Amino acid sequence: MITTFLSKVFGTVMSSYLGGFGTSQIQPTKEMFVDSLSFCAFRKKVLREVGLNDPKFKVGQDAELNIRIRKAGYKFLYTPKTFVWYYKRSTFSGFFAQMFRYGWARAKMIRKHPDTSRIFYFGPTIFTTVLIALILAALKSNLAQFLLALFLIIYGGMVLSSSIRRANSVRFVLAAFFAYWIEHLAYGIGFLYGAIN
């Protein structure tokens, strides 16, 4: 598989503070214990104790397994000495589907493990809910139109700022700008869907 321009954009967005929303997508630069890791190696003893992946999770099996391992008293050591070749999605539609599934899985995880809920998991869902509510309210209210415009300007400014900080070209800035919107909307919609179903 070849790394494409868009897969680099999506990787950059997901590894940013605004795009990673405090998850393991943000990789530390030094060896340290972390809450969760993707692509882990486990001792057989640990898996015998806590069990394998939960088949009810089509996405997020690693994160759910990590929760059970952490609850059993184990820690996750991240080391920058190791790496995994992982290819991000290469289209906006593929990225939307991935983020939707991540949101759906996180809602299911919070339902199964409510004590693992973190405020930043709800950020994209709050964003999506507020955006939809303001759009609907703006159809009938001038105040809602003003609040919607203000909301879009503030969010757009945050996204643009984060895009510019990580970009090496105007094309990258534009692609990252749209990728943030897709990521937050898709994750938020997926989370709502997972919470309802």
N, C-alpha and C. Protein backbone atom coordinates (compact mmCIF):
# COMPACT_ATOMS: atom_id res chain seq x y z
N MET A 1 0.84 -1.18 0.00
CA MET A 1 0.00 0.00 0.00
C MET A 1 0.89 1.24 0.00
N ILE A 2 0.51 2.23 -0.74
CA ILE A 2 1.29 3.46 -0.89
C ILE A 2 0.68 4.56 -0.03
N THR A 3 1.52 5.33 0.64
CA THR A 3 1.04 6.47 1.41
C THR A 3 0.70 7.58 0.43
N THR A 4 -0.53 8.06 0.50
CA THR A 4 -0.97 9.11 -0.40
C THR A 4 -0.95 10.47 0.30
N PHE A 5 -1.16 11.51 -0.47
CA PHE A 5 -1.24 12.85 0.08
C PHE A 5 -2.32 12.92 1.16
N LEU A 6 -3.52 12.40 0.86
CA LEU A 6 -4.61 12.47 1.83
C LEU A 6 -4.34 11.61 3.07
N SER A 7 -3.70 10.47 2.91
CA SER A 7 -3.40 9.66 4.09
C SER A 7 -2.42 10.39 5.01
N LYS A 8 -1.51 11.17 4.43
CA LYS A 8 -0.61 11.99 5.25
C LYS A 8 -1.39 13.09 5.97
N VAL A 9 -2.32 13.70 5.26
CA VAL A 9 -3.17 14.74 5.87
C VAL A 9 -3.96 14.15 7.03
N PHE A 10 -4.61 12.99 6.81
CA PHE A 10 -5.43 12.38 7.86
C PHE A 10 -4.57 11.98 9.06
N GLY A 11 -3.37 11.46 8.81
CA GLY A 11 -2.47 11.11 9.90
C GLY A 11 -2.05 12.33 10.70
N THR A 12 -1.78 13.42 10.00
CA THR A 12 -1.40 14.66 10.66
C THR A 12 -2.55 15.20 11.51
N VAL A 13 -3.74 15.19 10.96
CA VAL A 13 -4.92 15.67 11.68
C VAL A 13 -5.17 14.81 12.93
N MET A 14 -5.12 13.50 12.77
CA MET A 14 -5.40 12.62 13.91
C MET A 14 -4.33 12.69 15.00
N SER A 15 -3.11 13.07 14.64
CA SER A 15 -2.05 13.16 15.65
C SER A 15 -1.95 14.54 16.29
N SER A 16 -2.80 15.46 15.87
CA SER A 16 -2.82 16.80 16.48
C SER A 16 -3.68 16.78 17.74
N TYR A 17 -3.50 17.80 18.57
CA TYR A 17 -4.32 17.88 19.78
C TYR A 17 -5.80 18.05 19.43
N LEU A 18 -6.10 18.89 18.46
CA LEU A 18 -7.49 19.14 18.06
C LEU A 18 -8.10 17.91 17.38
N GLY A 19 -7.30 17.15 16.67
CA GLY A 19 -7.81 15.99 15.96
C GLY A 19 -7.71 14.70 16.73
N GLY A 20 -6.77 14.60 17.66
CA GLY A 20 -6.61 13.37 18.44
C GLY A 20 -7.42 13.35 19.70
N PHE A 21 -8.00 14.49 20.04
CA PHE A 21 -8.74 14.72 21.28
C PHE A 21 -8.28 13.84 22.44
N GLY A 22 -6.98 13.93 22.72
CA GLY A 22 -6.43 13.30 23.92
C GLY A 22 -6.27 11.80 23.86
N THR A 23 -6.30 11.21 22.67
CA THR A 23 -6.23 9.76 22.57
C THR A 23 -4.82 9.29 22.31
N SER A 24 -4.69 7.99 22.12
CA SER A 24 -3.37 7.41 21.85
C SER A 24 -2.87 7.74 20.45
N GLN A 25 -3.66 8.46 19.66
CA GLN A 25 -3.18 8.88 18.35
C GLN A 25 -2.02 9.87 18.50
N ILE A 26 -1.94 10.53 19.65
CA ILE A 26 -0.86 11.46 19.91
C ILE A 26 0.29 10.67 20.54
N GLN A 27 1.40 10.56 19.83
CA GLN A 27 2.51 9.72 20.27
C GLN A 27 3.55 10.55 21.04
N PRO A 28 3.87 10.12 22.27
CA PRO A 28 4.91 10.82 23.04
C PRO A 28 6.28 10.67 22.37
N THR A 29 7.18 11.54 22.73
CA THR A 29 8.53 11.50 22.17
C THR A 29 9.51 10.74 23.06
N LYS A 30 9.07 10.36 24.25
CA LYS A 30 9.94 9.62 25.16
C LYS A 30 9.20 8.40 25.71
N GLU A 31 9.95 7.46 26.25
CA GLU A 31 9.36 6.27 26.82
C GLU A 31 8.57 6.64 28.07
N MET A 32 7.33 6.14 28.14
CA MET A 32 6.48 6.47 29.28
C MET A 32 5.27 5.54 29.34
N PHE A 33 4.64 5.46 30.51
CA PHE A 33 3.41 4.70 30.65
C PHE A 33 2.26 5.55 30.13
N VAL A 34 1.33 4.91 29.41
CA VAL A 34 0.18 5.60 28.82
C VAL A 34 -1.09 4.81 29.15
N ASP A 35 -2.24 5.44 28.93
CA ASP A 35 -3.53 4.79 29.23
C ASP A 35 -3.88 3.67 28.27
N SER A 36 -3.50 3.82 27.02
CA SER A 36 -3.91 2.85 26.01
C SER A 36 -2.94 2.92 24.83
N LEU A 37 -2.82 1.82 24.11
CA LEU A 37 -1.97 1.77 22.92
C LEU A 37 -2.65 0.97 21.83
N SER A 38 -2.39 1.33 20.61
CA SER A 38 -2.80 0.52 19.47
C SER A 38 -1.63 -0.38 19.08
N PHE A 39 -1.93 -1.50 18.47
CA PHE A 39 -0.90 -2.40 17.94
C PHE A 39 0.07 -2.85 19.03
N CYS A 40 -0.47 -3.39 20.12
CA CYS A 40 0.34 -3.80 21.27
C CYS A 40 0.80 -5.24 21.17
N ALA A 41 1.82 -5.52 21.92
CA ALA A 41 2.25 -6.91 22.17
C ALA A 41 1.95 -7.18 23.64
N PHE A 42 1.31 -8.32 23.90
CA PHE A 42 0.92 -8.66 25.27
C PHE A 42 1.54 -9.99 25.67
N ARG A 43 1.76 -10.13 26.96
CA ARG A 43 2.18 -11.43 27.49
C ARG A 43 0.96 -12.36 27.46
N LYS A 44 1.21 -13.62 27.17
CA LYS A 44 0.14 -14.61 27.09
C LYS A 44 -0.64 -14.70 28.41
N LYS A 45 0.08 -14.58 29.52
CA LYS A 45 -0.52 -14.64 30.86
C LYS A 45 -1.61 -13.58 31.02
N VAL A 46 -1.34 -12.37 30.50
CA VAL A 46 -2.30 -11.26 30.62
C VAL A 46 -3.57 -11.58 29.85
N LEU A 47 -3.42 -12.08 28.62
CA LEU A 47 -4.59 -12.40 27.80
C LEU A 47 -5.38 -13.56 28.37
N ARG A 48 -4.71 -14.50 28.98
CA ARG A 48 -5.44 -15.61 29.64
C ARG A 48 -6.27 -15.09 30.81
N GLU A 49 -5.73 -14.08 31.47
CA GLU A 49 -6.43 -13.53 32.65
C GLU A 49 -7.65 -12.69 32.25
N VAL A 50 -7.49 -11.80 31.25
CA VAL A 50 -8.57 -10.86 30.93
C VAL A 50 -9.42 -11.28 29.72
N GLY A 51 -8.94 -12.24 28.95
CA GLY A 51 -9.66 -12.67 27.76
C GLY A 51 -9.16 -11.96 26.52
N LEU A 52 -9.68 -12.41 25.38
CA LEU A 52 -9.27 -11.85 24.10
C LEU A 52 -10.21 -10.71 23.69
N ASN A 53 -10.10 -10.29 22.45
CA ASN A 53 -10.96 -9.22 21.93
C ASN A 53 -12.44 -9.59 22.07
N ASP A 54 -13.25 -8.61 22.41
CA ASP A 54 -14.70 -8.78 22.50
C ASP A 54 -15.26 -8.75 21.08
N PRO A 55 -15.87 -9.85 20.60
CA PRO A 55 -16.36 -9.90 19.22
C PRO A 55 -17.53 -8.94 18.95
N LYS A 56 -18.13 -8.37 19.99
CA LYS A 56 -19.22 -7.40 19.78
C LYS A 56 -18.70 -6.09 19.21
N PHE A 57 -17.40 -5.88 19.33
CA PHE A 57 -16.79 -4.66 18.81
C PHE A 57 -16.16 -4.96 17.45
N LYS A 58 -16.76 -4.39 16.41
CA LYS A 58 -16.18 -4.54 15.07
C LYS A 58 -15.00 -3.58 14.90
N VAL A 59 -15.04 -2.50 15.64
CA VAL A 59 -13.98 -1.48 15.65
C VAL A 59 -13.71 -1.17 17.11
N GLY A 60 -12.48 -0.86 17.45
CA GLY A 60 -12.15 -0.48 18.82
C GLY A 60 -11.87 -1.68 19.72
N GLN A 61 -11.66 -2.86 19.12
CA GLN A 61 -11.38 -4.03 19.94
C GLN A 61 -10.13 -3.83 20.78
N ASP A 62 -9.11 -3.19 20.19
CA ASP A 62 -7.86 -2.98 20.92
C ASP A 62 -8.07 -2.05 22.11
N ALA A 63 -8.83 -0.99 21.92
CA ALA A 63 -9.08 -0.05 23.02
C ALA A 63 -9.90 -0.70 24.13
N GLU A 64 -10.89 -1.51 23.75
CA GLU A 64 -11.71 -2.18 24.76
C GLU A 64 -10.89 -3.21 25.53
N LEU A 65 -10.04 -3.96 24.81
CA LEU A 65 -9.15 -4.92 25.47
C LEU A 65 -8.19 -4.19 26.41
N ASN A 66 -7.68 -3.05 25.98
CA ASN A 66 -6.78 -2.26 26.83
C ASN A 66 -7.46 -1.84 28.13
N ILE A 67 -8.74 -1.51 28.04
CA ILE A 67 -9.49 -1.12 29.25
C ILE A 67 -9.50 -2.28 30.24
N ARG A 68 -9.81 -3.48 29.76
CA ARG A 68 -9.86 -4.64 30.66
C ARG A 68 -8.48 -4.96 31.23
N ILE A 69 -7.44 -4.79 30.42
CA ILE A 69 -6.08 -5.05 30.90
C ILE A 69 -5.70 -4.02 31.97
N ARG A 70 -6.03 -2.76 31.73
CA ARG A 70 -5.72 -1.71 32.71
C ARG A 70 -6.49 -1.95 34.02
N LYS A 71 -7.77 -2.36 33.89
CA LYS A 71 -8.58 -2.63 35.09
C LYS A 71 -8.02 -3.81 35.89
N ALA A 72 -7.31 -4.71 35.22
CA ALA A 72 -6.70 -5.86 35.90
C ALA A 72 -5.40 -5.47 36.60
N GLY A 73 -5.00 -4.18 36.46
CA GLY A 73 -3.83 -3.70 37.18
C GLY A 73 -2.56 -3.60 36.37
N TYR A 74 -2.64 -3.86 35.09
CA TYR A 74 -1.44 -3.79 34.24
C TYR A 74 -1.28 -2.38 33.67
N LYS A 75 -0.07 -2.10 33.20
CA LYS A 75 0.25 -0.79 32.60
C LYS A 75 0.70 -0.99 31.16
N PHE A 76 0.62 0.10 30.38
CA PHE A 76 1.07 0.09 28.99
C PHE A 76 2.30 0.98 28.87
N LEU A 77 3.37 0.40 28.41
CA LEU A 77 4.60 1.15 28.22
C LEU A 77 4.74 1.52 26.75
N TYR A 78 4.74 2.81 26.48
CA TYR A 78 5.00 3.29 25.12
C TYR A 78 6.49 3.56 25.00
N THR A 79 7.06 3.10 23.92
CA THR A 79 8.45 3.42 23.64
C THR A 79 8.58 3.86 22.19
N PRO A 80 9.24 4.98 21.95
CA PRO A 80 9.42 5.43 20.57
C PRO A 80 10.41 4.56 19.79
N LYS A 81 11.03 3.58 20.47
CA LYS A 81 11.97 2.69 19.79
C LYS A 81 11.25 1.69 18.88
N THR A 82 9.97 1.50 19.11
CA THR A 82 9.19 0.59 18.27
C THR A 82 8.29 1.40 17.34
N PHE A 83 7.90 0.80 16.25
CA PHE A 83 6.98 1.47 15.34
C PHE A 83 6.20 0.44 14.55
N VAL A 84 5.09 0.88 14.02
CA VAL A 84 4.22 0.05 13.20
C VAL A 84 3.97 0.79 11.90
N TRP A 85 4.01 0.09 10.79
CA TRP A 85 3.63 0.70 9.52
C TRP A 85 2.11 0.59 9.41
N TYR A 86 1.46 1.71 9.49
CA TYR A 86 0.00 1.75 9.42
C TYR A 86 -0.39 2.80 8.39
N TYR A 87 -1.21 2.41 7.48
CA TYR A 87 -1.61 3.33 6.41
C TYR A 87 -2.99 3.89 6.69
N LYS A 88 -3.07 5.20 6.78
CA LYS A 88 -4.35 5.89 7.00
C LYS A 88 -5.19 5.80 5.74
N ARG A 89 -6.45 6.09 5.87
CA ARG A 89 -7.36 6.09 4.73
C ARG A 89 -6.84 7.06 3.66
N SER A 90 -7.20 6.82 2.43
CA SER A 90 -6.67 7.64 1.34
C SER A 90 -7.74 8.45 0.62
N THR A 91 -8.98 8.41 1.14
CA THR A 91 -10.06 9.23 0.55
C THR A 91 -10.86 9.88 1.67
N PHE A 92 -11.52 10.98 1.34
CA PHE A 92 -12.36 11.64 2.34
C PHE A 92 -13.50 10.73 2.78
N SER A 93 -14.09 9.98 1.84
CA SER A 93 -15.20 9.09 2.20
C SER A 93 -14.72 7.96 3.11
N GLY A 94 -13.53 7.42 2.84
CA GLY A 94 -12.98 6.38 3.70
C GLY A 94 -12.67 6.91 5.09
N PHE A 95 -12.16 8.13 5.16
CA PHE A 95 -11.86 8.77 6.44
C PHE A 95 -13.15 9.02 7.22
N PHE A 96 -14.20 9.48 6.53
CA PHE A 96 -15.50 9.70 7.18
C PHE A 96 -16.00 8.39 7.78
N ALA A 97 -15.95 7.30 7.01
CA ALA A 97 -16.43 6.01 7.50
C ALA A 97 -15.61 5.53 8.71
N GLN A 98 -14.29 5.73 8.65
CA GLN A 98 -13.43 5.33 9.77
C GLN A 98 -13.79 6.11 11.03
N MET A 99 -13.95 7.42 10.91
CA MET A 99 -14.27 8.24 12.08
C MET A 99 -15.67 7.93 12.62
N PHE A 100 -16.61 7.65 11.73
CA PHE A 100 -17.95 7.24 12.17
C PHE A 100 -17.85 5.98 13.01
N ARG A 101 -17.09 5.00 12.53
CA ARG A 101 -16.93 3.74 13.28
C ARG A 101 -16.22 3.96 14.61
N TYR A 102 -15.23 4.87 14.63
CA TYR A 102 -14.55 5.17 15.90
C TYR A 102 -15.53 5.78 16.90
N GLY A 103 -16.37 6.70 16.46
CA GLY A 103 -17.37 7.29 17.35
C GLY A 103 -18.35 6.26 17.86
N TRP A 104 -18.82 5.41 16.96
CA TRP A 104 -19.75 4.34 17.32
C TRP A 104 -19.12 3.41 18.37
N ALA A 105 -17.87 3.03 18.14
CA ALA A 105 -17.18 2.13 19.07
C ALA A 105 -16.97 2.78 20.43
N ARG A 106 -16.63 4.07 20.44
CA ARG A 106 -16.40 4.75 21.73
C ARG A 106 -17.69 4.80 22.54
N ALA A 107 -18.82 5.04 21.89
CA ALA A 107 -20.10 5.05 22.61
C ALA A 107 -20.38 3.68 23.21
N LYS A 108 -20.11 2.64 22.46
CA LYS A 108 -20.31 1.27 22.98
C LYS A 108 -19.36 0.98 24.14
N MET A 109 -18.12 1.47 24.03
CA MET A 109 -17.15 1.25 25.10
C MET A 109 -17.59 1.94 26.39
N ILE A 110 -18.09 3.17 26.25
CA ILE A 110 -18.53 3.91 27.43
C ILE A 110 -19.74 3.22 28.06
N ARG A 111 -20.59 2.64 27.23
CA ARG A 111 -21.73 1.90 27.77
C ARG A 111 -21.25 0.66 28.53
N LYS A 112 -20.25 -0.04 28.00
CA LYS A 112 -19.73 -1.25 28.65
C LYS A 112 -18.84 -0.92 29.85
N HIS A 113 -18.08 0.17 29.73
CA HIS A 113 -17.13 0.58 30.79
C HIS A 113 -17.37 2.05 31.12
N PRO A 114 -18.48 2.40 31.80
CA PRO A 114 -18.79 3.82 32.04
C PRO A 114 -17.72 4.57 32.83
N ASP A 115 -16.95 3.85 33.62
CA ASP A 115 -15.91 4.50 34.43
C ASP A 115 -14.74 4.99 33.58
N THR A 116 -14.69 4.62 32.31
CA THR A 116 -13.59 5.05 31.44
C THR A 116 -13.94 6.30 30.62
N SER A 117 -15.11 6.83 30.83
CA SER A 117 -15.55 8.01 30.08
C SER A 117 -14.66 9.21 30.40
N ARG A 118 -14.29 9.95 29.36
CA ARG A 118 -13.49 11.17 29.50
C ARG A 118 -14.19 12.29 28.74
N ILE A 119 -14.07 13.49 29.23
CA ILE A 119 -14.77 14.63 28.64
C ILE A 119 -14.41 14.81 27.17
N PHE A 120 -13.15 14.59 26.80
CA PHE A 120 -12.75 14.84 25.42
C PHE A 120 -13.38 13.85 24.45
N TYR A 121 -13.87 12.70 24.92
CA TYR A 121 -14.58 11.78 24.03
C TYR A 121 -15.89 12.39 23.53
N PHE A 122 -16.43 13.32 24.30
CA PHE A 122 -17.71 13.92 23.96
C PHE A 122 -17.58 15.18 23.11
N GLY A 123 -16.36 15.69 22.94
CA GLY A 123 -16.15 16.92 22.18
C GLY A 123 -16.76 16.92 20.79
N PRO A 124 -16.42 15.94 19.95
CA PRO A 124 -17.01 15.92 18.61
C PRO A 124 -18.54 15.75 18.62
N THR A 125 -19.06 15.02 19.61
CA THR A 125 -20.50 14.82 19.70
C THR A 125 -21.19 16.12 20.11
N ILE A 126 -20.61 16.83 21.05
CA ILE A 126 -21.16 18.12 21.45
C ILE A 126 -21.11 19.08 20.26
N PHE A 127 -19.98 19.10 19.56
CA PHE A 127 -19.84 19.95 18.38
C PHE A 127 -20.94 19.64 17.36
N THR A 128 -21.12 18.37 17.04
CA THR A 128 -22.11 17.96 16.05
C THR A 128 -23.52 18.32 16.50
N THR A 129 -23.84 18.06 17.76
CA THR A 129 -25.17 18.35 18.28
C THR A 129 -25.46 19.85 18.26
N VAL A 130 -24.51 20.65 18.70
CA VAL A 130 -24.68 22.11 18.71
C VAL A 130 -24.82 22.63 17.29
N LEU A 131 -24.00 22.12 16.37
CA LEU A 131 -24.07 22.56 14.98
C LEU A 131 -25.44 22.25 14.38
N ILE A 132 -25.93 21.04 14.57
CA ILE A 132 -27.26 20.67 14.03
C ILE A 132 -28.35 21.52 14.67
N ALA A 133 -28.29 21.71 15.98
CA ALA A 133 -29.31 22.51 16.68
C ALA A 133 -29.30 23.95 16.18
N LEU A 134 -28.11 24.52 16.00
CA LEU A 134 -28.03 25.90 15.52
C LEU A 134 -28.51 26.04 14.08
N ILE A 135 -28.21 25.06 13.25
CA ILE A 135 -28.69 25.10 11.86
C ILE A 135 -30.22 25.07 11.83
N LEU A 136 -30.80 24.18 12.61
CA LEU A 136 -32.27 24.09 12.65
C LEU A 136 -32.89 25.36 13.25
N ALA A 137 -32.30 25.86 14.32
CA ALA A 137 -32.82 27.08 14.95
C ALA A 137 -32.65 28.30 14.04
N ALA A 138 -31.60 28.31 13.25
CA ALA A 138 -31.33 29.45 12.37
C ALA A 138 -32.37 29.59 11.27
N LEU A 139 -33.11 28.53 11.01
CA LEU A 139 -34.19 28.60 10.01
C LEU A 139 -35.32 29.52 10.47
N LYS A 140 -35.41 29.76 11.80
CA LYS A 140 -36.51 30.56 12.34
C LYS A 140 -36.09 31.75 13.18
N SER A 141 -34.81 31.87 13.49
CA SER A 141 -34.39 32.89 14.44
C SER A 141 -33.15 33.64 13.96
N ASN A 142 -33.22 34.97 14.04
CA ASN A 142 -32.05 35.79 13.70
C ASN A 142 -30.93 35.60 14.72
N LEU A 143 -31.30 35.46 15.99
CA LEU A 143 -30.29 35.24 17.03
C LEU A 143 -29.55 33.93 16.76
N ALA A 144 -30.29 32.88 16.40
CA ALA A 144 -29.66 31.59 16.10
C ALA A 144 -28.75 31.71 14.88
N GLN A 145 -29.12 32.53 13.89
CA GLN A 145 -28.27 32.74 12.72
C GLN A 145 -26.95 33.39 13.14
N PHE A 146 -27.05 34.37 14.04
CA PHE A 146 -25.86 35.04 14.55
C PHE A 146 -24.99 34.05 15.33
N LEU A 147 -25.62 33.26 16.21
CA LEU A 147 -24.86 32.28 17.01
C LEU A 147 -24.23 31.21 16.12
N LEU A 148 -24.94 30.80 15.07
CA LEU A 148 -24.39 29.83 14.13
C LEU A 148 -23.17 30.41 13.43
N ALA A 149 -23.28 31.64 12.97
CA ALA A 149 -22.14 32.29 12.30
C ALA A 149 -20.95 32.41 13.26
N LEU A 150 -21.21 32.81 14.49
CA LEU A 150 -20.16 32.93 15.50
C LEU A 150 -19.52 31.57 15.78
N PHE A 151 -20.34 30.55 15.92
CA PHE A 151 -19.87 29.19 16.16
C PHE A 151 -18.97 28.73 15.01
N LEU A 152 -19.40 28.95 13.79
CA LEU A 152 -18.63 28.52 12.62
C LEU A 152 -17.32 29.30 12.50
N ILE A 153 -17.35 30.57 12.83
CA ILE A 153 -16.13 31.39 12.78
C ILE A 153 -15.12 30.92 13.82
N ILE A 154 -15.58 30.68 15.04
CA ILE A 154 -14.67 30.23 16.11
C ILE A 154 -14.10 28.86 15.79
N TYR A 155 -14.97 27.91 15.44
CA TYR A 155 -14.48 26.57 15.11
C TYR A 155 -13.59 26.61 13.88
N GLY A 156 -14.03 27.31 12.86
CA GLY A 156 -13.23 27.43 11.64
C GLY A 156 -11.87 28.04 11.92
N GLY A 157 -11.81 29.03 12.81
CA GLY A 157 -10.53 29.63 13.18
C GLY A 157 -9.61 28.66 13.88
N MET A 158 -10.18 27.86 14.80
CA MET A 158 -9.38 26.85 15.50
C MET A 158 -8.83 25.82 14.51
N VAL A 159 -9.69 25.36 13.61
CA VAL A 159 -9.29 24.36 12.62
C VAL A 159 -8.25 24.93 11.67
N LEU A 160 -8.47 26.15 11.22
CA LEU A 160 -7.52 26.78 10.30
C LEU A 160 -6.16 26.97 10.98
N SER A 161 -6.18 27.41 12.23
CA SER A 161 -4.94 27.60 12.98
C SER A 161 -4.18 26.28 13.11
N SER A 162 -4.89 25.22 13.48
CA SER A 162 -4.24 23.92 13.62
C SER A 162 -3.74 23.41 12.28
N SER A 163 -4.50 23.67 11.21
CA SER A 163 -4.10 23.23 9.87
C SER A 163 -2.83 23.95 9.42
N ILE A 164 -2.76 25.25 9.66
CA ILE A 164 -1.60 26.04 9.23
C ILE A 164 -0.35 25.62 10.00
N ARG A 165 -0.51 25.37 11.30
CA ARG A 165 0.64 24.99 12.12
C ARG A 165 1.31 23.70 11.65
N ARG A 166 0.55 22.82 11.05
CA ARG A 166 1.07 21.50 10.69
C ARG A 166 1.31 21.33 9.20
N ALA A 167 1.07 22.39 8.42
CA ALA A 167 1.10 22.25 6.97
C ALA A 167 2.42 22.69 6.35
N ASN A 168 2.66 22.16 5.16
CA ASN A 168 3.84 22.57 4.40
C ASN A 168 3.45 23.17 3.04
N SER A 169 2.15 23.32 2.81
CA SER A 169 1.68 23.92 1.56
C SER A 169 0.23 24.38 1.71
N VAL A 170 -0.20 25.25 0.82
CA VAL A 170 -1.59 25.71 0.84
C VAL A 170 -2.53 24.53 0.60
N ARG A 171 -2.15 23.65 -0.28
CA ARG A 171 -2.96 22.46 -0.57
C ARG A 171 -3.16 21.61 0.69
N PHE A 172 -2.08 21.46 1.48
CA PHE A 172 -2.16 20.70 2.72
C PHE A 172 -3.09 21.40 3.72
N VAL A 173 -3.00 22.72 3.81
CA VAL A 173 -3.86 23.49 4.72
C VAL A 173 -5.33 23.25 4.36
N LEU A 174 -5.67 23.36 3.09
CA LEU A 174 -7.06 23.17 2.67
C LEU A 174 -7.55 21.75 2.94
N ALA A 175 -6.72 20.76 2.62
CA ALA A 175 -7.11 19.37 2.87
C ALA A 175 -7.27 19.11 4.37
N ALA A 176 -6.36 19.62 5.19
CA ALA A 176 -6.45 19.43 6.64
C ALA A 176 -7.68 20.14 7.20
N PHE A 177 -7.97 21.32 6.69
CA PHE A 177 -9.14 22.08 7.13
C PHE A 177 -10.41 21.23 6.96
N PHE A 178 -10.58 20.63 5.80
CA PHE A 178 -11.75 19.80 5.55
C PHE A 178 -11.69 18.49 6.33
N ALA A 179 -10.50 17.96 6.53
CA ALA A 179 -10.35 16.71 7.27
C ALA A 179 -10.79 16.87 8.73
N TYR A 180 -10.47 18.02 9.35
CA TYR A 180 -10.94 18.26 10.73
C TYR A 180 -12.46 18.25 10.79
N TRP A 181 -13.10 18.94 9.85
CA TRP A 181 -14.56 18.97 9.83
C TRP A 181 -15.12 17.56 9.68
N ILE A 182 -14.57 16.80 8.75
CA ILE A 182 -15.04 15.43 8.52
C ILE A 182 -14.83 14.58 9.76
N GLU A 183 -13.65 14.70 10.35
CA GLU A 183 -13.36 13.89 11.53
C GLU A 183 -14.34 14.16 12.66
N HIS A 184 -14.55 15.42 12.99
CA HIS A 184 -15.41 15.75 14.12
C HIS A 184 -16.88 15.45 13.85
N LEU A 185 -17.35 15.75 12.64
CA LEU A 185 -18.75 15.45 12.31
C LEU A 185 -19.00 13.94 12.26
N ALA A 186 -18.13 13.20 11.60
CA ALA A 186 -18.32 11.76 11.47
C ALA A 186 -18.24 11.06 12.83
N TYR A 187 -17.25 11.44 13.63
CA TYR A 187 -17.11 10.84 14.96
C TYR A 187 -18.34 11.18 15.81
N GLY A 188 -18.76 12.45 15.76
CA GLY A 188 -19.93 12.87 16.53
C GLY A 188 -21.19 12.13 16.14
N ILE A 189 -21.42 11.99 14.83
CA ILE A 189 -22.60 11.27 14.34
C ILE A 189 -22.51 9.79 14.73
N GLY A 190 -21.32 9.22 14.58
CA GLY A 190 -21.12 7.82 14.96
C GLY A 190 -21.34 7.59 16.44
N PHE A 191 -20.87 8.51 17.27
CA PHE A 191 -21.06 8.41 18.71
C PHE A 191 -22.54 8.45 19.06
N LEU A 192 -23.27 9.40 18.46
CA LEU A 192 -24.70 9.49 18.71
C LEU A 192 -25.42 8.22 18.28
N TYR A 193 -25.05 7.69 17.12
CA TYR A 193 -25.64 6.45 16.62
C TYR A 193 -25.35 5.30 17.58
N GLY A 194 -24.10 5.20 18.05
CA GLY A 194 -23.72 4.15 18.97
C GLY A 194 -24.41 4.28 20.32
N ALA A 195 -24.64 5.52 20.75
CA ALA A 195 -25.31 5.73 22.04
C ALA A 195 -26.79 5.37 21.97
N ILE A 196 -27.40 5.58 20.81
CA ILE A 196 -28.83 5.31 20.63
C ILE A 196 -29.08 3.83 20.39
N ASN A 197 -28.21 3.18 19.62
CA ASN A 197 -28.42 1.77 19.27
C ASN A 197 -27.69 0.84 20.22
